Amino acid sequence: MLDHVGFPVHDYARSKQFYLAALAPLGYELIMEVEGWGGFGVGGKPDLWFGPGEPGVPKHIAFRASNRAVVDAFYEAAMAAGGQDNGKPGLRLHYHTDYYGAFVLDPDGNNVEAVCHEPETVRTVAASRRETSQPEEPPANEY
């Protein structure tokens, strides 16, 4: 069982603003700041930590979303907060038939994903359009 993840970032203030916006649709919020590090989580316990330092190899972190609309909202919020597209929201059939994810690079190049593993229950026009098109190929650096 995973308790928490932590990693260094080049610019704490910039990363803090990015994650505040990008993770809000997933219910994440800044819970505490300790010794220059920020702890984000849901329900009062931080499980994602980052702080000033020299980032190494970019990392991949995936957040579970309750439905596909939340994945879409994550992607839009992350892009508006300065993220870089690394895979628009869509089905990733190479993982499994209901894997619906979106990938965004954060300010340090880390690959941040929101994923829903559940089948679609409420059809929307936008989702229907996406599903009738070919699913995207996975980004070269998904992991």
N, C-alpha and C. Protein backbone atom coordinates (compact mmCIF):
# COMPACT_ATOMS: atom_id res chain seq x y z
N MET A 1 0.85 -1.17 0.00
CA MET A 1 0.00 0.00 0.00
C MET A 1 0.89 1.24 0.00
N LEU A 2 0.59 2.17 -0.86
CA LEU A 2 1.33 3.42 -0.98
C LEU A 2 0.84 4.42 0.06
N ASP A 3 1.78 5.01 0.80
CA ASP A 3 1.41 6.01 1.80
C ASP A 3 1.57 7.42 1.26
N HIS A 4 2.72 7.72 0.66
CA HIS A 4 2.92 9.04 0.07
C HIS A 4 4.09 9.01 -0.91
N VAL A 5 4.13 10.04 -1.76
CA VAL A 5 5.17 10.20 -2.76
C VAL A 5 5.73 11.60 -2.60
N GLY A 6 7.04 11.76 -2.75
CA GLY A 6 7.66 13.07 -2.68
C GLY A 6 8.73 13.21 -3.73
N PHE A 7 8.89 14.44 -4.24
CA PHE A 7 9.93 14.69 -5.23
C PHE A 7 10.31 16.16 -5.22
N PRO A 8 11.56 16.45 -5.62
CA PRO A 8 12.00 17.84 -5.67
C PRO A 8 11.53 18.53 -6.94
N VAL A 9 11.39 19.87 -6.87
CA VAL A 9 10.98 20.69 -8.01
C VAL A 9 11.92 21.89 -8.12
N HIS A 10 12.07 22.42 -9.32
CA HIS A 10 12.93 23.59 -9.54
C HIS A 10 12.38 24.84 -8.86
N ASP A 11 11.09 25.08 -9.03
CA ASP A 11 10.47 26.32 -8.58
C ASP A 11 9.23 25.95 -7.77
N TYR A 12 9.36 25.97 -6.44
CA TYR A 12 8.28 25.53 -5.58
C TYR A 12 7.00 26.33 -5.81
N ALA A 13 7.10 27.66 -5.90
CA ALA A 13 5.90 28.49 -6.06
C ALA A 13 5.17 28.16 -7.36
N ARG A 14 5.91 27.99 -8.43
CA ARG A 14 5.30 27.66 -9.73
C ARG A 14 4.63 26.29 -9.68
N SER A 15 5.32 25.31 -9.11
CA SER A 15 4.75 23.96 -9.01
C SER A 15 3.54 23.95 -8.09
N LYS A 16 3.60 24.72 -7.02
CA LYS A 16 2.46 24.81 -6.10
C LYS A 16 1.22 25.32 -6.83
N GLN A 17 1.36 26.38 -7.61
CA GLN A 17 0.23 26.91 -8.36
C GLN A 17 -0.29 25.90 -9.38
N PHE A 18 0.63 25.21 -10.06
CA PHE A 18 0.24 24.19 -11.04
C PHE A 18 -0.59 23.09 -10.37
N TYR A 19 -0.09 22.53 -9.27
CA TYR A 19 -0.79 21.42 -8.62
C TYR A 19 -2.08 21.87 -7.93
N LEU A 20 -2.11 23.09 -7.40
CA LEU A 20 -3.37 23.60 -6.84
C LEU A 20 -4.47 23.57 -7.89
N ALA A 21 -4.16 24.01 -9.10
CA ALA A 21 -5.15 24.06 -10.17
C ALA A 21 -5.42 22.68 -10.76
N ALA A 22 -4.35 21.96 -11.10
CA ALA A 22 -4.50 20.68 -11.80
C ALA A 22 -5.19 19.61 -10.97
N LEU A 23 -4.94 19.59 -9.68
CA LEU A 23 -5.49 18.53 -8.83
C LEU A 23 -6.83 18.88 -8.18
N ALA A 24 -7.26 20.14 -8.31
CA ALA A 24 -8.54 20.54 -7.71
C ALA A 24 -9.70 19.68 -8.22
N PRO A 25 -9.79 19.37 -9.53
CA PRO A 25 -10.91 18.53 -9.98
C PRO A 25 -10.90 17.12 -9.36
N LEU A 26 -9.74 16.69 -8.88
CA LEU A 26 -9.63 15.37 -8.26
C LEU A 26 -9.89 15.42 -6.75
N GLY A 27 -10.17 16.61 -6.24
CA GLY A 27 -10.44 16.75 -4.81
C GLY A 27 -9.21 16.99 -3.97
N TYR A 28 -8.04 17.12 -4.60
CA TYR A 28 -6.80 17.36 -3.86
C TYR A 28 -6.70 18.82 -3.48
N GLU A 29 -6.11 19.05 -2.31
CA GLU A 29 -5.84 20.40 -1.87
C GLU A 29 -4.53 20.42 -1.10
N LEU A 30 -3.96 21.61 -0.95
CA LEU A 30 -2.76 21.76 -0.14
C LEU A 30 -3.16 21.62 1.31
N ILE A 31 -2.62 20.62 1.98
CA ILE A 31 -3.00 20.35 3.36
C ILE A 31 -2.02 20.95 4.34
N MET A 32 -0.73 20.89 4.00
CA MET A 32 0.27 21.48 4.90
C MET A 32 1.54 21.81 4.15
N GLU A 33 2.29 22.72 4.72
CA GLU A 33 3.62 23.06 4.23
C GLU A 33 4.57 22.92 5.41
N VAL A 34 5.64 22.14 5.20
CA VAL A 34 6.61 21.86 6.25
C VAL A 34 8.01 22.01 5.67
N GLU A 35 8.79 22.88 6.26
CA GLU A 35 10.18 23.08 5.86
C GLU A 35 10.32 23.31 4.35
N GLY A 36 9.41 24.11 3.79
CA GLY A 36 9.48 24.45 2.37
C GLY A 36 8.86 23.42 1.44
N TRP A 37 8.33 22.35 1.97
CA TRP A 37 7.68 21.32 1.15
C TRP A 37 6.17 21.42 1.32
N GLY A 38 5.45 21.19 0.24
CA GLY A 38 3.99 21.21 0.28
C GLY A 38 3.44 19.80 0.25
N GLY A 39 2.45 19.56 1.08
CA GLY A 39 1.79 18.26 1.13
C GLY A 39 0.36 18.37 0.65
N PHE A 40 0.04 17.70 -0.45
CA PHE A 40 -1.30 17.70 -1.04
C PHE A 40 -1.99 16.38 -0.75
N GLY A 41 -3.30 16.42 -0.62
CA GLY A 41 -4.04 15.20 -0.40
C GLY A 41 -5.53 15.45 -0.42
N VAL A 42 -6.26 14.40 -0.11
CA VAL A 42 -7.72 14.43 -0.03
C VAL A 42 -8.10 13.96 1.37
N GLY A 43 -8.99 14.66 2.02
CA GLY A 43 -9.48 14.20 3.31
C GLY A 43 -8.53 14.43 4.47
N GLY A 44 -7.65 15.38 4.38
CA GLY A 44 -6.82 15.75 5.53
C GLY A 44 -5.46 15.10 5.63
N LYS A 45 -5.15 14.10 4.80
CA LYS A 45 -3.84 13.46 4.87
C LYS A 45 -3.08 13.70 3.57
N PRO A 46 -1.90 14.33 3.66
CA PRO A 46 -1.13 14.53 2.44
C PRO A 46 -0.51 13.22 1.95
N ASP A 47 -0.62 12.98 0.64
CA ASP A 47 0.05 11.81 0.08
C ASP A 47 0.94 12.16 -1.11
N LEU A 48 0.95 13.45 -1.49
CA LEU A 48 1.83 13.94 -2.53
C LEU A 48 2.62 15.11 -1.96
N TRP A 49 3.93 14.98 -1.93
CA TRP A 49 4.81 16.01 -1.38
C TRP A 49 5.79 16.47 -2.44
N PHE A 50 6.08 17.77 -2.48
CA PHE A 50 7.18 18.27 -3.30
C PHE A 50 7.73 19.52 -2.66
N GLY A 51 8.98 19.79 -2.97
CA GLY A 51 9.64 20.95 -2.41
C GLY A 51 10.87 21.31 -3.22
N PRO A 52 11.53 22.39 -2.81
CA PRO A 52 12.67 22.87 -3.58
C PRO A 52 13.81 21.86 -3.60
N GLY A 53 14.43 21.77 -4.74
CA GLY A 53 15.55 20.87 -4.90
C GLY A 53 15.92 20.77 -6.36
N GLU A 54 16.77 19.87 -6.67
CA GLU A 54 17.21 19.66 -8.04
C GLU A 54 16.56 18.37 -8.56
N PRO A 55 15.52 18.53 -9.36
CA PRO A 55 14.85 17.33 -9.88
C PRO A 55 15.81 16.48 -10.71
N GLY A 56 15.61 15.20 -10.63
CA GLY A 56 16.39 14.26 -11.43
C GLY A 56 15.59 13.82 -12.63
N VAL A 57 15.58 12.54 -12.86
CA VAL A 57 14.83 11.97 -13.98
C VAL A 57 13.36 12.27 -13.79
N PRO A 58 12.66 12.73 -14.84
CA PRO A 58 11.22 12.97 -14.69
C PRO A 58 10.50 11.72 -14.19
N LYS A 59 9.47 11.96 -13.40
CA LYS A 59 8.70 10.88 -12.79
C LYS A 59 7.31 10.81 -13.40
N HIS A 60 6.65 9.70 -13.14
CA HIS A 60 5.27 9.51 -13.56
C HIS A 60 4.44 9.29 -12.30
N ILE A 61 3.33 10.01 -12.22
CA ILE A 61 2.41 9.81 -11.11
C ILE A 61 1.00 9.85 -11.67
N ALA A 62 0.17 8.89 -11.27
CA ALA A 62 -1.20 8.80 -11.77
C ALA A 62 -2.17 8.93 -10.60
N PHE A 63 -3.17 9.77 -10.80
CA PHE A 63 -4.22 9.97 -9.81
C PHE A 63 -5.50 9.32 -10.32
N ARG A 64 -6.17 8.57 -9.46
CA ARG A 64 -7.42 7.93 -9.84
C ARG A 64 -8.55 8.94 -9.83
N ALA A 65 -9.33 8.94 -10.90
CA ALA A 65 -10.50 9.81 -11.03
C ALA A 65 -11.75 8.96 -10.92
N SER A 66 -12.80 9.53 -10.36
CA SER A 66 -14.04 8.78 -10.14
C SER A 66 -14.82 8.55 -11.42
N ASN A 67 -14.62 9.41 -12.43
CA ASN A 67 -15.32 9.23 -13.69
C ASN A 67 -14.54 9.95 -14.80
N ARG A 68 -14.98 9.78 -16.02
CA ARG A 68 -14.26 10.33 -17.16
C ARG A 68 -14.35 11.85 -17.22
N ALA A 69 -15.44 12.41 -16.75
CA ALA A 69 -15.56 13.88 -16.74
C ALA A 69 -14.50 14.50 -15.84
N VAL A 70 -14.15 13.82 -14.76
CA VAL A 70 -13.11 14.33 -13.86
C VAL A 70 -11.75 14.28 -14.56
N VAL A 71 -11.50 13.24 -15.34
CA VAL A 71 -10.26 13.18 -16.13
C VAL A 71 -10.20 14.37 -17.08
N ASP A 72 -11.30 14.64 -17.76
CA ASP A 72 -11.37 15.79 -18.67
C ASP A 72 -11.11 17.10 -17.92
N ALA A 73 -11.72 17.25 -16.75
CA ALA A 73 -11.56 18.48 -15.96
C ALA A 73 -10.12 18.64 -15.49
N PHE A 74 -9.49 17.52 -15.07
CA PHE A 74 -8.07 17.55 -14.69
C PHE A 74 -7.23 18.07 -15.84
N TYR A 75 -7.43 17.51 -17.03
CA TYR A 75 -6.64 17.89 -18.19
C TYR A 75 -6.79 19.38 -18.49
N GLU A 76 -8.02 19.87 -18.51
CA GLU A 76 -8.27 21.28 -18.81
C GLU A 76 -7.64 22.18 -17.75
N ALA A 77 -7.78 21.82 -16.48
CA ALA A 77 -7.21 22.62 -15.39
C ALA A 77 -5.69 22.61 -15.45
N ALA A 78 -5.10 21.45 -15.71
CA ALA A 78 -3.64 21.35 -15.78
C ALA A 78 -3.09 22.14 -16.95
N MET A 79 -3.75 22.07 -18.09
CA MET A 79 -3.30 22.84 -19.25
C MET A 79 -3.42 24.34 -18.99
N ALA A 80 -4.52 24.76 -18.38
CA ALA A 80 -4.72 26.18 -18.07
C ALA A 80 -3.69 26.68 -17.06
N ALA A 81 -3.17 25.77 -16.23
CA ALA A 81 -2.19 26.13 -15.21
C ALA A 81 -0.76 26.08 -15.75
N GLY A 82 -0.60 25.87 -17.05
CA GLY A 82 0.73 25.89 -17.64
C GLY A 82 1.31 24.52 -17.94
N GLY A 83 0.51 23.48 -17.79
CA GLY A 83 1.00 22.14 -18.13
C GLY A 83 1.20 21.99 -19.63
N GLN A 84 1.95 20.97 -19.99
CA GLN A 84 2.20 20.68 -21.40
C GLN A 84 1.53 19.35 -21.75
N ASP A 85 0.79 19.34 -22.85
CA ASP A 85 0.08 18.13 -23.27
C ASP A 85 1.05 16.97 -23.45
N ASN A 86 0.69 15.82 -22.89
CA ASN A 86 1.45 14.59 -23.08
C ASN A 86 0.50 13.44 -23.39
N GLY A 87 -0.73 13.75 -23.75
CA GLY A 87 -1.74 12.75 -24.08
C GLY A 87 -3.11 13.23 -23.69
N LYS A 88 -3.87 13.69 -24.65
CA LYS A 88 -5.22 14.22 -24.39
C LYS A 88 -6.11 13.15 -23.77
N PRO A 89 -7.19 13.55 -23.09
CA PRO A 89 -8.11 12.57 -22.51
C PRO A 89 -8.63 11.61 -23.57
N GLY A 90 -8.64 10.34 -23.23
CA GLY A 90 -9.16 9.34 -24.15
C GLY A 90 -8.93 7.94 -23.63
N LEU A 91 -9.51 7.00 -24.34
CA LEU A 91 -9.33 5.59 -24.01
C LEU A 91 -7.92 5.16 -24.37
N ARG A 92 -7.36 4.31 -23.55
CA ARG A 92 -6.05 3.70 -23.80
C ARG A 92 -6.29 2.19 -23.82
N LEU A 93 -6.77 1.72 -24.96
CA LEU A 93 -7.19 0.32 -25.08
C LEU A 93 -6.04 -0.66 -24.91
N HIS A 94 -4.81 -0.21 -25.09
CA HIS A 94 -3.67 -1.10 -24.91
C HIS A 94 -3.48 -1.47 -23.43
N TYR A 95 -4.11 -0.73 -22.50
CA TYR A 95 -4.08 -1.10 -21.09
C TYR A 95 -5.27 -2.00 -20.75
N HIS A 96 -6.48 -1.53 -21.02
CA HIS A 96 -7.69 -2.34 -20.91
C HIS A 96 -8.85 -1.54 -21.49
N THR A 97 -9.99 -2.18 -21.67
CA THR A 97 -11.09 -1.57 -22.42
C THR A 97 -11.69 -0.33 -21.77
N ASP A 98 -11.54 -0.14 -20.47
CA ASP A 98 -12.13 1.01 -19.80
C ASP A 98 -11.09 2.00 -19.27
N TYR A 99 -9.83 1.87 -19.70
CA TYR A 99 -8.78 2.77 -19.22
C TYR A 99 -8.91 4.10 -19.94
N TYR A 100 -9.39 5.11 -19.21
CA TYR A 100 -9.59 6.45 -19.76
C TYR A 100 -8.66 7.38 -19.01
N GLY A 101 -7.65 7.90 -19.71
CA GLY A 101 -6.66 8.72 -19.03
C GLY A 101 -6.29 9.97 -19.81
N ALA A 102 -5.62 10.87 -19.10
CA ALA A 102 -5.05 12.08 -19.69
C ALA A 102 -3.69 12.30 -19.04
N PHE A 103 -2.74 12.79 -19.84
CA PHE A 103 -1.37 12.97 -19.39
C PHE A 103 -0.92 14.41 -19.64
N VAL A 104 -0.31 15.02 -18.62
CA VAL A 104 0.19 16.38 -18.72
C VAL A 104 1.56 16.44 -18.06
N LEU A 105 2.49 17.16 -18.69
CA LEU A 105 3.79 17.37 -18.08
C LEU A 105 3.72 18.60 -17.17
N ASP A 106 4.21 18.46 -15.95
CA ASP A 106 4.22 19.57 -15.01
C ASP A 106 5.40 20.51 -15.32
N PRO A 107 5.59 21.59 -14.55
CA PRO A 107 6.67 22.53 -14.87
C PRO A 107 8.07 21.92 -14.88
N ASP A 108 8.27 20.78 -14.22
CA ASP A 108 9.58 20.12 -14.22
C ASP A 108 9.67 18.95 -15.18
N GLY A 109 8.64 18.74 -15.98
CA GLY A 109 8.66 17.65 -16.95
C GLY A 109 8.16 16.32 -16.41
N ASN A 110 7.64 16.31 -15.18
CA ASN A 110 7.06 15.08 -14.64
C ASN A 110 5.75 14.79 -15.35
N ASN A 111 5.50 13.53 -15.61
CA ASN A 111 4.30 13.09 -16.33
C ASN A 111 3.19 12.83 -15.31
N VAL A 112 2.20 13.71 -15.29
CA VAL A 112 1.10 13.63 -14.33
C VAL A 112 -0.14 13.15 -15.07
N GLU A 113 -0.76 12.12 -14.54
CA GLU A 113 -1.90 11.49 -15.20
C GLU A 113 -3.11 11.47 -14.28
N ALA A 114 -4.28 11.60 -14.88
CA ALA A 114 -5.53 11.28 -14.20
C ALA A 114 -6.14 10.13 -14.98
N VAL A 115 -6.63 9.11 -14.27
CA VAL A 115 -7.16 7.93 -14.94
C VAL A 115 -8.43 7.45 -14.26
N CYS A 116 -9.37 7.02 -15.09
CA CYS A 116 -10.60 6.38 -14.62
C CYS A 116 -10.62 4.98 -15.21
N HIS A 117 -10.84 3.98 -14.38
CA HIS A 117 -10.87 2.58 -14.82
C HIS A 117 -12.29 2.07 -15.00
N GLU A 118 -13.26 2.92 -14.79
CA GLU A 118 -14.66 2.51 -14.83
C GLU A 118 -15.25 2.74 -16.22
N PRO A 119 -16.22 1.90 -16.59
CA PRO A 119 -16.89 2.15 -17.87
C PRO A 119 -17.69 3.45 -17.80
N GLU A 120 -17.90 4.04 -18.95
CA GLU A 120 -18.67 5.28 -19.00
C GLU A 120 -20.12 4.96 -18.68
N THR A 121 -20.72 5.75 -17.79
CA THR A 121 -22.11 5.51 -17.41
C THR A 121 -23.03 6.61 -17.93
N VAL A 122 -22.52 7.81 -18.04
CA VAL A 122 -23.31 8.92 -18.56
C VAL A 122 -22.65 9.40 -19.83
N ARG A 123 -23.36 9.26 -20.93
CA ARG A 123 -22.78 9.65 -22.22
C ARG A 123 -23.00 11.14 -22.46
N THR A 124 -21.93 11.77 -22.90
CA THR A 124 -22.02 13.18 -23.27
C THR A 124 -21.66 13.30 -24.73
N VAL A 125 -22.02 14.39 -25.33
CA VAL A 125 -21.70 14.60 -26.74
C VAL A 125 -20.20 14.56 -26.94
N ALA A 126 -19.45 15.24 -26.07
CA ALA A 126 -17.99 15.28 -26.23
C ALA A 126 -17.39 13.89 -26.08
N ALA A 127 -17.85 13.14 -25.09
CA ALA A 127 -17.31 11.79 -24.89
C ALA A 127 -17.68 10.89 -26.07
N SER A 128 -18.89 11.02 -26.57
CA SER A 128 -19.31 10.21 -27.71
C SER A 128 -18.44 10.50 -28.93
N ARG A 129 -18.13 11.76 -29.14
CA ARG A 129 -17.27 12.12 -30.27
C ARG A 129 -15.89 11.51 -30.11
N ARG A 130 -15.34 11.56 -28.90
CA ARG A 130 -14.02 10.99 -28.66
C ARG A 130 -14.02 9.49 -28.92
N GLU A 131 -15.06 8.81 -28.47
CA GLU A 131 -15.09 7.36 -28.58
C GLU A 131 -15.29 6.89 -30.01
N THR A 132 -15.86 7.70 -30.86
CA THR A 132 -16.04 7.28 -32.25
C THR A 132 -14.78 7.48 -33.06
N SER A 133 -13.83 8.25 -32.53
CA SER A 133 -12.56 8.42 -33.23
C SER A 133 -11.58 7.37 -32.74
N GLN A 134 -10.49 7.23 -33.46
CA GLN A 134 -9.46 6.27 -33.07
C GLN A 134 -8.84 6.70 -31.76
N PRO A 135 -8.60 5.78 -30.84
CA PRO A 135 -7.92 6.15 -29.61
C PRO A 135 -6.49 6.57 -29.94
N GLU A 136 -5.98 7.50 -29.14
CA GLU A 136 -4.62 7.99 -29.36
C GLU A 136 -3.61 6.90 -29.06
N GLU A 137 -2.49 6.98 -29.75
CA GLU A 137 -1.36 6.14 -29.40
C GLU A 137 -0.82 6.66 -28.07
N PRO A 138 -0.28 5.79 -27.25
CA PRO A 138 0.26 6.27 -25.97
C PRO A 138 1.47 7.17 -26.21
N PRO A 139 1.65 8.19 -25.39
CA PRO A 139 2.86 9.00 -25.51
C PRO A 139 4.09 8.11 -25.31
N ALA A 140 5.17 8.47 -25.95
CA ALA A 140 6.39 7.67 -25.89
C ALA A 140 6.88 7.52 -24.46
N ASN A 141 6.63 8.50 -23.61
CA ASN A 141 7.15 8.46 -22.23
C ASN A 141 6.04 8.38 -21.20
N GLU A 142 4.97 7.64 -21.49
CA GLU A 142 3.88 7.51 -20.51
C GLU A 142 4.39 7.10 -19.16
N TYR A 143 5.36 6.22 -19.11
CA TYR A 143 5.93 5.79 -17.84
C TYR A 143 7.36 6.04 -17.88
